[in-house]
Amino acid sequence: MALFEIRPETGERKATAAFWALLAGSVIGLIAIVVAVVLLARWWQQSQQLNVQSEREQGQVEDLVATCSRAANPQACEEQRVNDAALRLGAEACKALEGDAYDGCVWNVAREQRNPEVCQGIKDGVSQTACSDELYRRIALSNTDSKSCDKISDEQDKSACNETVLASIAVQGTCAEHGVDESVCDQQDLFSQIVASRNPARCAELADEARRLDCTDTIGPGDVDLDGLNATEEAILGTSDLSADTDDDGLNDYDEVKTYGTDPLNPDTDGDGYTDGQEVNGGYDPLAPPGAE
């Protein structure tokens, strides 16, 4: 007896399997063709609808331009009408204009849509780049996004954009969120504390020289005692910038000089035995001589 018995029906089974495989492949291929035809038909229909819509919109623009024939300045009128229409319909409407007017129209649409890609429609190369840079800068600043800064062509503008974004991140204290070194936010916190202290001497605590200069410019002469008089004014008056009430009479130096006219170095300006603060708090005149009240 043979080890393997070859049955006659084995060949028939193989032929049947091959037939069904061929049929299945044909059906799948037919379905793919039908789907492709349907998608192509839809694309053609949509493109026709877009063409009709574009023609209709262009007709609207032409109608608007036609109304400018009797205007005092027809050209200015046409440019204004087309620009207004383009903001509603898109940059395609700008085709009713030529030269700089066309480029300006496309630029306005790019601004309105906040889309740098629209700038690619500008024909003048310099204006096209300037448009893209402006839009990338706006996006970067509004979204605190340094990646948009990096798309700016002008190196100086790119650097300024990145510095502004970095400063915004530092002020918001979101260094970790934006992947920025925490020391940047720490320095900003220190800067804010120093400015609040109104002490220019503390600006030396900042690590960056540019920030130290910014700090001293922001604080100015300083007002360490926070009485409202800066260090220069206190030096002229002879009062202390380390004490809000130099003569310790209950009124701060600013109020004595700017409000009541009393002597910030004399606790009893009118010499009646009561301090200037006691008189003001009691409803009396701190400048009235003894016996006058």
Protein backbone atom coordinates (compact mmCIF):
# COMPACT_ATOMS: atom_id res chain seq x y z
CA MET A 1 0.00 0.00 0.00
CA ALA A 2 1.40 3.44 -0.97
CA LEU A 3 2.40 5.80 1.84
CA PHE A 4 0.38 8.65 0.29
CA GLU A 5 -2.71 8.05 -1.72
CA ILE A 6 -3.39 10.59 -4.46
CA ARG A 7 -7.08 11.10 -4.78
CA PRO A 8 -8.55 12.11 -8.14
CA GLU A 9 -10.73 14.80 -6.61
CA THR A 10 -7.69 16.77 -5.29
CA GLY A 11 -7.07 18.42 -8.67
CA GLU A 12 -10.72 19.36 -8.93
CA ARG A 13 -10.62 21.01 -5.50
CA LYS A 14 -7.56 23.06 -6.49
CA ALA A 15 -9.28 24.18 -9.68
CA THR A 16 -12.39 25.16 -7.73
CA ALA A 17 -10.36 27.13 -5.18
CA ALA A 18 -8.50 28.93 -7.93
CA PHE A 19 -11.79 29.81 -9.61
CA TRP A 20 -13.26 31.30 -6.46
CA ALA A 21 -10.04 33.18 -5.72
CA LEU A 22 -10.10 34.64 -9.24
CA LEU A 23 -13.76 35.55 -8.86
CA ALA A 24 -13.16 37.22 -5.48
CA GLY A 25 -10.25 39.18 -6.91
CA SER A 26 -12.38 40.31 -9.84
CA VAL A 27 -15.18 41.46 -7.52
CA ILE A 28 -12.76 43.39 -5.33
CA GLY A 29 -11.20 44.98 -8.39
CA LEU A 30 -14.66 45.93 -9.70
CA ILE A 31 -15.59 47.48 -6.35
CA ALA A 32 -12.35 49.48 -6.35
CA ILE A 33 -13.12 50.77 -9.84
CA VAL A 34 -16.66 51.77 -8.81
CA VAL A 35 -15.38 53.58 -5.71
CA ALA A 36 -12.76 55.41 -7.78
CA VAL A 37 -15.38 56.46 -10.32
CA VAL A 38 -17.71 57.72 -7.56
CA LEU A 39 -14.89 59.71 -5.91
CA LEU A 40 -13.84 61.15 -9.24
CA ALA A 41 -17.43 62.15 -10.00
CA ARG A 42 -17.75 63.86 -6.61
CA TRP A 43 -14.48 65.69 -7.12
CA TRP A 44 -15.58 66.88 -10.55
CA GLN A 45 -18.95 68.00 -9.17
CA GLN A 46 -17.31 69.89 -6.31
CA SER A 47 -14.81 71.54 -8.64
CA GLN A 48 -17.66 72.61 -10.90
CA GLN A 49 -19.53 74.04 -7.92
CA LEU A 50 -16.39 75.91 -6.82
CA ASN A 51 -15.93 77.28 -10.32
CA VAL A 52 -19.54 78.42 -10.42
CA GLN A 53 -19.20 79.97 -6.98
CA SER A 54 -15.93 81.66 -7.98
CA GLU A 55 -17.52 83.05 -11.15
CA ARG A 56 -20.51 84.25 -9.17
CA GLU A 57 -18.30 85.94 -6.59
CA GLN A 58 -16.15 87.49 -9.30
CA GLY A 59 -19.32 88.80 -10.90
CA GLN A 60 -20.31 90.37 -7.58
CA VAL A 61 -16.93 92.08 -7.36
CA GLU A 62 -17.23 93.39 -10.91
CA ASP A 63 -20.69 94.74 -10.12
CA LEU A 64 -19.31 96.55 -7.08
CA VAL A 65 -16.47 98.03 -9.13
CA ALA A 66 -18.91 99.20 -11.78
CA THR A 67 -20.64 101.42 -9.20
CA CYS A 68 -17.42 103.45 -8.84
CA SER A 69 -17.61 104.91 -12.36
CA ARG A 70 -19.28 108.07 -11.09
CA ALA A 71 -17.19 108.43 -7.92
CA ALA A 72 -14.95 111.46 -7.44
CA ASN A 73 -11.93 109.14 -7.35
CA PRO A 74 -12.91 105.98 -9.27
CA GLN A 75 -9.58 104.22 -8.66
CA ALA A 76 -9.68 104.72 -4.90
CA CYS A 77 -13.32 103.66 -4.89
CA GLU A 78 -12.55 100.47 -6.85
CA GLU A 79 -9.67 99.52 -4.56
CA GLN A 80 -11.83 100.04 -1.47
CA ARG A 81 -14.74 98.03 -2.88
CA VAL A 82 -12.48 95.14 -3.95
CA ASN A 83 -10.67 95.09 -0.61
CA ASP A 84 -13.97 94.99 1.26
CA ALA A 85 -15.19 92.15 -0.96
CA ALA A 86 -11.91 90.24 -0.58
CA LEU A 87 -12.21 90.26 3.19
CA ARG A 88 -15.53 88.43 2.76
CA LEU A 89 -14.78 86.25 -0.26
CA GLY A 90 -11.03 85.64 -0.01
CA ALA A 91 -7.93 86.58 -1.98
CA GLU A 92 -9.46 85.47 -5.30
CA ALA A 93 -11.47 88.69 -5.30
CA CYS A 94 -8.23 90.69 -5.38
CA LYS A 95 -7.74 89.67 -9.03
CA ALA A 96 -9.92 92.63 -9.98
CA LEU A 97 -6.91 94.81 -9.04
CA GLU A 98 -3.40 95.07 -10.47
CA GLY A 99 0.14 95.83 -9.29
CA ASP A 100 0.63 97.21 -5.79
CA ALA A 101 -3.12 97.46 -5.29
CA TYR A 102 -3.46 93.70 -5.88
CA ASP A 103 -0.58 92.88 -3.52
CA GLY A 104 -2.02 95.16 -0.84
CA CYS A 105 -5.40 93.49 -1.18
CA VAL A 106 -3.91 89.99 -0.72
CA TRP A 107 -1.92 91.24 2.28
CA ASN A 108 -5.11 92.53 3.89
CA VAL A 109 -6.78 89.14 3.39
CA ALA A 110 -3.77 87.40 4.96
CA ARG A 111 -4.07 89.69 7.98
CA GLU A 112 -7.79 89.07 8.27
CA GLN A 113 -7.39 85.30 8.07
CA ARG A 114 -4.16 85.30 10.13
CA ASN A 115 -2.75 82.95 7.51
CA PRO A 116 0.84 83.43 6.28
CA GLU A 117 0.20 81.05 3.37
CA VAL A 118 -2.12 83.62 1.78
CA CYS A 119 0.94 85.88 1.47
CA GLN A 120 2.28 83.52 -1.21
CA GLY A 121 -0.23 85.08 -3.58
CA ILE A 122 1.58 88.44 -3.44
CA LYS A 123 3.54 88.98 -6.64
CA ASP A 124 6.23 91.32 -5.36
CA GLY A 125 8.92 89.21 -3.65
CA VAL A 126 9.86 91.78 -1.00
CA SER A 127 6.24 92.41 -0.07
CA GLN A 128 5.54 88.68 0.00
CA THR A 129 8.33 88.10 2.52
CA ALA A 130 7.31 91.10 4.61
CA CYS A 131 3.73 89.83 4.69
CA SER A 132 4.78 86.35 5.82
CA ASP A 133 7.12 87.75 8.47
CA GLU A 134 4.38 89.99 9.84
CA LEU A 135 1.89 87.14 10.10
CA TYR A 136 4.36 84.72 11.69
CA ARG A 137 5.29 87.42 14.20
CA ARG A 138 1.64 88.03 15.09
CA ILE A 139 0.97 84.33 15.52
CA ALA A 140 4.10 83.90 17.65
CA LEU A 141 3.20 86.75 20.00
CA SER A 142 -0.48 85.88 20.35
CA ASN A 143 0.21 82.16 20.92
CA THR A 144 3.51 82.59 22.79
CA ASP A 145 5.02 80.32 20.15
CA SER A 146 8.75 80.63 19.44
CA LYS A 147 8.47 78.12 16.58
CA SER A 148 6.53 80.71 14.59
CA CYS A 149 9.32 83.22 15.30
CA ASP A 150 11.80 80.82 13.69
CA LYS A 151 9.84 81.02 10.41
CA ILE A 152 10.54 84.75 10.10
CA SER A 153 13.02 85.50 7.29
CA ASP A 154 14.58 88.68 8.67
CA GLU A 155 17.17 87.64 11.27
CA GLN A 156 16.81 90.82 13.33
CA ASP A 157 13.03 90.50 13.46
CA LYS A 158 13.37 86.79 14.27
CA SER A 159 15.67 87.54 17.20
CA ALA A 160 13.38 90.31 18.50
CA CYS A 161 10.37 88.01 18.19
CA ASN A 162 12.07 85.25 20.18
CA GLU A 163 13.12 87.71 22.88
CA THR A 164 9.57 89.03 23.20
CA VAL A 165 8.10 85.53 23.39
CA LEU A 166 10.69 84.52 25.98
CA ALA A 167 9.90 87.59 28.06
CA SER A 168 6.18 86.80 27.86
CA ILE A 169 6.81 83.22 29.01
CA ALA A 170 8.90 84.52 31.90
CA VAL A 171 6.24 87.03 32.97
CA GLN A 172 3.56 84.33 32.84
CA GLY A 173 5.81 81.95 34.76
CA THR A 174 5.20 79.14 32.28
CA CYS A 175 8.81 78.12 31.57
CA ALA A 176 8.19 74.41 32.25
CA GLU A 177 5.12 74.38 30.02
CA HIS A 178 7.06 75.84 27.09
CA GLY A 179 10.27 73.89 27.66
CA VAL A 180 12.23 76.98 28.76
CA ASP A 181 14.95 76.84 31.44
CA GLU A 182 13.38 77.62 34.84
CA SER A 183 16.17 80.11 35.56
CA VAL A 184 14.53 82.47 33.04
CA CYS A 185 11.33 82.58 35.09
CA ASP A 186 13.32 82.82 38.35
CA GLN A 187 15.14 85.90 37.04
CA GLN A 188 11.84 87.46 36.00
CA ASP A 189 10.41 86.90 39.47
CA LEU A 190 13.49 88.53 40.97
CA PHE A 191 13.18 91.45 38.54
CA SER A 192 9.56 92.02 39.59
CA GLN A 193 10.47 91.90 43.27
CA ILE A 194 13.27 94.43 42.82
CA VAL A 195 11.09 96.82 40.83
CA ALA A 196 8.39 96.55 43.51
CA SER A 197 10.98 97.40 46.17
CA ARG A 198 11.90 100.60 44.27
CA ASN A 199 15.52 100.03 45.32
CA PRO A 200 17.90 100.48 42.34
CA ALA A 201 20.81 99.08 44.36
CA ARG A 202 19.16 95.67 44.23
CA CYS A 203 19.36 95.59 40.42
CA ALA A 204 22.88 94.25 40.85
CA GLU A 205 21.30 90.97 42.00
CA LEU A 206 20.22 90.21 38.43
CA ALA A 207 22.50 87.92 36.44
CA ASP A 208 22.07 89.48 32.99
CA GLU A 209 23.61 92.89 32.32
CA ALA A 210 20.81 93.93 29.97
CA ARG A 211 18.24 93.10 32.64
CA ARG A 212 20.23 95.08 35.21
CA LEU A 213 20.14 98.14 32.95
CA ASP A 214 16.42 97.62 32.31
CA CYS A 215 15.92 97.35 36.06
CA THR A 216 17.67 100.64 36.87
CA ASP A 217 15.84 102.40 34.01
CA THR A 218 12.50 101.08 35.27
CA ILE A 219 13.05 102.07 38.89
CA GLY A 220 14.74 105.37 38.13
CA PRO A 221 16.07 107.28 41.20
CA GLY A 222 14.28 104.78 43.43
CA ASP A 223 11.99 105.06 46.41
CA VAL A 224 13.23 102.56 48.97
CA ASP A 225 10.86 103.67 51.74
CA LEU A 226 7.89 103.70 49.30
CA ASP A 227 6.61 107.03 50.61
CA GLY A 228 6.01 108.46 47.12
CA LEU A 229 9.12 110.67 47.05
CA ASN A 230 12.00 109.36 44.95
CA ALA A 231 15.58 109.35 46.16
CA THR A 232 16.46 112.55 44.29
CA GLU A 233 13.55 114.46 45.85
CA GLU A 234 14.44 113.16 49.31
CA ALA A 235 18.06 114.24 48.87
CA ILE A 236 16.95 117.78 47.95
CA LEU A 237 14.56 117.94 50.92
CA GLY A 238 17.07 116.41 53.30
CA THR A 239 14.70 113.61 54.23
CA SER A 240 15.58 109.93 54.41
CA ASP A 241 14.81 107.48 51.62
CA LEU A 242 15.00 104.73 54.21
CA SER A 243 12.15 106.05 56.34
CA ALA A 244 8.71 107.05 55.06
CA ASP A 245 8.29 109.42 58.01
CA THR A 246 11.65 111.09 58.60
CA ASP A 247 10.56 113.27 61.55
CA ASP A 248 8.33 110.55 63.03
CA ASP A 249 5.33 112.85 63.44
CA GLY A 250 2.69 110.46 62.07
CA LEU A 251 2.63 111.89 58.55
CA ASN A 252 4.76 110.37 55.79
CA ASP A 253 7.20 112.63 53.98
CA TYR A 254 5.16 112.70 50.75
CA ASP A 255 1.98 113.88 52.51
CA GLU A 256 3.89 116.55 54.42
CA VAL A 257 5.44 117.97 51.23
CA LYS A 258 2.73 117.37 48.63
CA THR A 259 -0.52 117.52 50.63
CA TYR A 260 -0.25 119.53 53.85
CA GLY A 261 2.78 121.77 53.22
CA THR A 262 4.30 120.89 56.58
CA ASP A 263 8.00 120.47 57.29
CA PRO A 264 9.02 116.82 56.89
CA LEU A 265 12.02 117.46 59.15
CA ASN A 266 10.01 119.10 61.97
CA PRO A 267 7.44 116.99 63.81
CA ASP A 268 5.59 120.14 64.99
CA THR A 269 5.69 122.59 62.12
CA ASP A 270 3.54 125.33 63.76
CA GLY A 271 5.18 124.91 67.19
CA ASP A 272 1.93 124.54 69.16
CA GLY A 273 3.02 121.46 71.07
CA TYR A 274 1.12 118.96 68.91
CA THR A 275 2.75 116.90 66.19
CA ASP A 276 1.68 117.46 62.63
CA GLY A 277 0.15 113.98 62.58
CA GLN A 278 -1.88 114.63 65.75
CA GLU A 279 -3.29 117.85 64.32
CA VAL A 280 -4.19 116.36 60.94
CA ASN A 281 -5.79 113.28 62.52
CA GLY A 282 -7.67 115.50 64.96
CA GLY A 283 -9.02 117.77 62.24
CA TYR A 284 -6.81 120.75 63.07
CA ASP A 285 -4.54 122.88 60.91
CA PRO A 286 -0.91 121.78 61.37
CA LEU A 287 0.25 125.15 60.04
CA ALA A 288 -1.74 127.38 62.42
CA PRO A 289 0.46 129.12 65.07
CA PRO A 290 -0.32 128.64 68.78
CA GLY A 291 -3.62 130.29 69.82
CA ALA A 292 -4.82 130.72 66.25
CA GLU A 293 -7.26 127.78 66.43
